[in-house]
Amino acid sequence: MNQMQYNNLVVAISKVSFVMDDLRLFLDTHPGEERAIKHYNECSKKRRELISEFTRNYGPMMFYCPNENASRWMWIDGPMPWEGVC
């Protein structure tokens, strides 16, 4: 195992995941913002590529569900956890 490559992949996955989390929070209040959705989808694709590379080299890793091919941020369409449904 190349420790430097391992560390670089983990850092890259962490960075793109942070951006996705930030965009997710923004999209929760701006669900029709097309540029943010596009950026989220680009980050999602990049994250999947990085995780795929990580998995090939070091084993499986959990990942977020994509919101790709959607013209609307769908997370807010379902009941929220505080609504007692979960």
N, C-alpha and C. Protein backbone atom coordinates (compact mmCIF):
# COMPACT_ATOMS: atom_id res chain seq x y z
N MET A 1 0.85 -1.19 0.00
CA MET A 1 0.00 0.00 0.00
C MET A 1 0.88 1.24 0.00
N ASN A 2 0.59 2.16 -0.90
CA ASN A 2 1.29 3.43 -0.96
C ASN A 2 0.58 4.40 -0.02
N GLN A 3 1.19 4.67 1.12
CA GLN A 3 0.56 5.50 2.16
C GLN A 3 0.25 6.90 1.67
N MET A 4 1.12 7.47 0.86
CA MET A 4 0.89 8.83 0.36
C MET A 4 -0.33 8.87 -0.57
N GLN A 5 -0.45 7.89 -1.47
CA GLN A 5 -1.60 7.84 -2.36
C GLN A 5 -2.88 7.61 -1.55
N TYR A 6 -2.82 6.74 -0.57
CA TYR A 6 -3.96 6.49 0.31
C TYR A 6 -4.41 7.79 0.98
N ASN A 7 -3.45 8.50 1.58
CA ASN A 7 -3.77 9.76 2.26
C ASN A 7 -4.33 10.79 1.29
N ASN A 8 -3.75 10.90 0.10
CA ASN A 8 -4.23 11.86 -0.89
C ASN A 8 -5.67 11.56 -1.31
N LEU A 9 -6.00 10.28 -1.48
CA LEU A 9 -7.37 9.91 -1.84
C LEU A 9 -8.34 10.24 -0.72
N VAL A 10 -7.96 9.92 0.51
CA VAL A 10 -8.84 10.20 1.65
C VAL A 10 -9.08 11.71 1.77
N VAL A 11 -8.05 12.51 1.60
CA VAL A 11 -8.18 13.96 1.68
C VAL A 11 -9.06 14.48 0.54
N ALA A 12 -8.85 13.98 -0.68
CA ALA A 12 -9.66 14.42 -1.83
C ALA A 12 -11.13 14.05 -1.63
N ILE A 13 -11.39 12.85 -1.13
CA ILE A 13 -12.77 12.43 -0.86
C ILE A 13 -13.38 13.30 0.23
N SER A 14 -12.61 13.61 1.26
CA SER A 14 -13.10 14.47 2.34
C SER A 14 -13.43 15.87 1.84
N LYS A 15 -12.58 16.42 0.99
CA LYS A 15 -12.83 17.77 0.47
C LYS A 15 -14.09 17.83 -0.38
N VAL A 16 -14.22 16.90 -1.32
CA VAL A 16 -15.40 16.92 -2.19
C VAL A 16 -16.66 16.60 -1.39
N SER A 17 -16.55 15.76 -0.36
CA SER A 17 -17.69 15.46 0.51
C SER A 17 -18.13 16.69 1.27
N PHE A 18 -17.16 17.49 1.74
CA PHE A 18 -17.48 18.72 2.45
C PHE A 18 -18.25 19.68 1.55
N VAL A 19 -17.78 19.82 0.31
CA VAL A 19 -18.46 20.70 -0.65
C VAL A 19 -19.88 20.20 -0.88
N MET A 20 -20.04 18.88 -1.02
CA MET A 20 -21.38 18.32 -1.23
C MET A 20 -22.28 18.58 -0.02
N ASP A 21 -21.74 18.45 1.19
CA ASP A 21 -22.53 18.73 2.39
C ASP A 21 -22.96 20.19 2.43
N ASP A 22 -22.04 21.08 2.09
CA ASP A 22 -22.36 22.51 2.07
C ASP A 22 -23.42 22.82 1.02
N LEU A 23 -23.27 22.24 -0.16
CA LEU A 23 -24.27 22.43 -1.21
C LEU A 23 -25.63 21.85 -0.82
N ARG A 24 -25.60 20.71 -0.15
CA ARG A 24 -26.86 20.10 0.30
C ARG A 24 -27.61 21.03 1.24
N LEU A 25 -26.89 21.64 2.16
CA LEU A 25 -27.53 22.58 3.08
C LEU A 25 -28.09 23.79 2.33
N PHE A 26 -27.33 24.30 1.37
CA PHE A 26 -27.81 25.43 0.55
C PHE A 26 -29.05 25.03 -0.24
N LEU A 27 -29.01 23.83 -0.83
CA LEU A 27 -30.13 23.39 -1.66
C LEU A 27 -31.39 23.08 -0.84
N ASP A 28 -31.22 22.80 0.44
CA ASP A 28 -32.39 22.60 1.29
C ASP A 28 -33.24 23.86 1.37
N THR A 29 -32.61 25.02 1.20
CA THR A 29 -33.36 26.28 1.25
C THR A 29 -33.50 26.95 -0.11
N HIS A 30 -32.81 26.41 -1.12
CA HIS A 30 -32.86 26.94 -2.49
C HIS A 30 -32.99 25.78 -3.48
N PRO A 31 -34.08 24.99 -3.40
CA PRO A 31 -34.18 23.75 -4.17
C PRO A 31 -34.20 23.92 -5.68
N GLY A 32 -34.47 25.10 -6.19
CA GLY A 32 -34.52 25.29 -7.63
C GLY A 32 -33.26 25.94 -8.21
N GLU A 33 -32.23 26.11 -7.41
CA GLU A 33 -31.00 26.78 -7.85
C GLU A 33 -30.20 25.85 -8.76
N GLU A 34 -30.35 26.07 -10.07
CA GLU A 34 -29.78 25.15 -11.07
C GLU A 34 -28.25 25.08 -11.01
N ARG A 35 -27.58 26.20 -10.78
CA ARG A 35 -26.11 26.17 -10.73
C ARG A 35 -25.63 25.33 -9.56
N ALA A 36 -26.31 25.43 -8.43
CA ALA A 36 -25.92 24.64 -7.26
C ALA A 36 -26.18 23.16 -7.50
N ILE A 37 -27.30 22.83 -8.13
CA ILE A 37 -27.60 21.44 -8.46
C ILE A 37 -26.55 20.89 -9.41
N LYS A 38 -26.20 21.69 -10.42
CA LYS A 38 -25.17 21.26 -11.38
C LYS A 38 -23.85 21.02 -10.67
N HIS A 39 -23.47 21.95 -9.80
CA HIS A 39 -22.20 21.80 -9.07
C HIS A 39 -22.25 20.57 -8.15
N TYR A 40 -23.38 20.36 -7.49
CA TYR A 40 -23.54 19.18 -6.63
C TYR A 40 -23.36 17.90 -7.46
N ASN A 41 -23.98 17.85 -8.62
CA ASN A 41 -23.88 16.67 -9.47
C ASN A 41 -22.45 16.45 -9.97
N GLU A 42 -21.74 17.53 -10.29
CA GLU A 42 -20.34 17.42 -10.70
C GLU A 42 -19.49 16.87 -9.55
N CYS A 43 -19.74 17.38 -8.36
CA CYS A 43 -19.02 16.89 -7.18
C CYS A 43 -19.36 15.43 -6.89
N SER A 44 -20.63 15.09 -7.06
CA SER A 44 -21.06 13.72 -6.84
C SER A 44 -20.34 12.76 -7.79
N LYS A 45 -20.23 13.17 -9.05
CA LYS A 45 -19.53 12.35 -10.04
C LYS A 45 -18.06 12.20 -9.66
N LYS A 46 -17.43 13.31 -9.28
CA LYS A 46 -16.02 13.29 -8.89
C LYS A 46 -15.83 12.40 -7.66
N ARG A 47 -16.74 12.51 -6.71
CA ARG A 47 -16.63 11.70 -5.48
C ARG A 47 -16.75 10.22 -5.80
N ARG A 48 -17.69 9.87 -6.67
CA ARG A 48 -17.84 8.46 -7.07
C ARG A 48 -16.57 7.94 -7.73
N GLU A 49 -15.97 8.78 -8.59
CA GLU A 49 -14.71 8.39 -9.24
C GLU A 49 -13.61 8.16 -8.22
N LEU A 50 -13.49 9.08 -7.26
CA LEU A 50 -12.47 8.95 -6.22
C LEU A 50 -12.72 7.72 -5.35
N ILE A 51 -13.98 7.49 -4.99
CA ILE A 51 -14.30 6.33 -4.16
C ILE A 51 -14.07 5.05 -4.94
N SER A 52 -14.37 5.06 -6.22
CA SER A 52 -14.11 3.89 -7.05
C SER A 52 -12.62 3.58 -7.08
N GLU A 53 -11.81 4.62 -7.24
CA GLU A 53 -10.36 4.43 -7.23
C GLU A 53 -9.89 3.91 -5.87
N PHE A 54 -10.44 4.50 -4.81
CA PHE A 54 -10.09 4.05 -3.46
C PHE A 54 -10.46 2.58 -3.27
N THR A 55 -11.68 2.23 -3.69
CA THR A 55 -12.17 0.86 -3.53
C THR A 55 -11.31 -0.13 -4.30
N ARG A 56 -10.93 0.22 -5.51
CA ARG A 56 -10.06 -0.66 -6.31
C ARG A 56 -8.74 -0.92 -5.60
N ASN A 57 -8.23 0.12 -4.94
CA ASN A 57 -6.90 0.00 -4.34
C ASN A 57 -6.89 -0.42 -2.87
N TYR A 58 -7.93 -0.05 -2.13
CA TYR A 58 -7.87 -0.24 -0.67
C TYR A 58 -9.10 -0.90 -0.05
N GLY A 59 -10.14 -1.15 -0.81
CA GLY A 59 -11.35 -1.76 -0.26
C GLY A 59 -12.52 -0.81 -0.27
N PRO A 60 -13.70 -1.30 0.12
CA PRO A 60 -14.94 -0.51 0.00
C PRO A 60 -15.01 0.68 0.95
N MET A 61 -15.82 1.64 0.51
CA MET A 61 -16.06 2.86 1.29
C MET A 61 -17.52 3.24 1.07
N MET A 62 -18.21 3.75 2.09
CA MET A 62 -19.60 4.18 1.95
C MET A 62 -19.65 5.46 1.12
N PHE A 63 -20.80 5.71 0.47
CA PHE A 63 -20.93 6.94 -0.32
C PHE A 63 -22.36 7.47 -0.27
N TYR A 64 -22.49 8.74 -0.66
CA TYR A 64 -23.79 9.41 -0.70
C TYR A 64 -24.59 8.95 -1.91
N CYS A 65 -25.90 9.03 -1.80
CA CYS A 65 -26.76 8.75 -2.94
C CYS A 65 -26.76 9.98 -3.85
N PRO A 66 -26.61 9.80 -5.13
CA PRO A 66 -26.58 10.95 -6.04
C PRO A 66 -27.97 11.54 -6.28
N ASN A 67 -28.01 12.79 -6.68
CA ASN A 67 -29.24 13.48 -7.07
C ASN A 67 -29.16 13.80 -8.56
N GLU A 68 -28.41 12.98 -9.29
CA GLU A 68 -28.15 13.27 -10.69
C GLU A 68 -29.41 13.12 -11.54
N ASN A 69 -29.38 13.78 -12.68
CA ASN A 69 -30.47 13.75 -13.65
C ASN A 69 -31.78 14.27 -13.08
N ALA A 70 -31.69 15.12 -12.08
CA ALA A 70 -32.88 15.72 -11.50
C ALA A 70 -32.82 17.23 -11.72
N SER A 71 -33.94 17.83 -12.02
CA SER A 71 -33.96 19.28 -12.22
C SER A 71 -34.37 19.99 -10.94
N ARG A 72 -34.59 19.22 -9.89
CA ARG A 72 -35.00 19.78 -8.60
C ARG A 72 -34.33 19.00 -7.49
N TRP A 73 -33.93 19.68 -6.42
CA TRP A 73 -33.33 19.04 -5.26
C TRP A 73 -34.42 18.27 -4.53
N MET A 74 -34.33 16.96 -4.52
CA MET A 74 -35.44 16.13 -4.06
C MET A 74 -35.42 15.81 -2.57
N TRP A 75 -34.34 16.13 -1.87
CA TRP A 75 -34.24 15.83 -0.45
C TRP A 75 -35.40 16.43 0.34
N ILE A 76 -35.82 17.62 -0.03
CA ILE A 76 -36.84 18.30 0.76
C ILE A 76 -38.25 17.83 0.45
N ASP A 77 -38.43 16.94 -0.52
CA ASP A 77 -39.76 16.48 -0.90
C ASP A 77 -40.40 15.53 0.10
N GLY A 78 -39.58 14.81 0.83
CA GLY A 78 -40.11 13.85 1.81
C GLY A 78 -40.29 14.50 3.16
N PRO A 79 -40.88 13.77 4.09
CA PRO A 79 -41.03 14.32 5.45
C PRO A 79 -39.67 14.48 6.12
N MET A 80 -39.56 15.50 6.92
CA MET A 80 -38.33 15.76 7.65
C MET A 80 -38.33 14.93 8.94
N PRO A 81 -37.14 14.59 9.45
CA PRO A 81 -37.07 13.75 10.65
C PRO A 81 -37.87 14.29 11.84
N TRP A 82 -37.92 15.62 12.01
CA TRP A 82 -38.63 16.20 13.13
C TRP A 82 -40.17 16.15 12.95
N GLU A 83 -40.62 15.68 11.78
CA GLU A 83 -42.06 15.55 11.56
C GLU A 83 -42.61 14.22 12.09
N GLY A 84 -41.75 13.44 12.74
CA GLY A 84 -42.18 12.22 13.39
C GLY A 84 -42.42 11.03 12.49
N VAL A 85 -41.98 11.07 11.26
CA VAL A 85 -42.23 9.99 10.31
C VAL A 85 -41.13 8.94 10.35
N CYS A 86 -39.91 9.37 10.66
CA CYS A 86 -38.76 8.45 10.64
C CYS A 86 -38.79 7.46 11.78
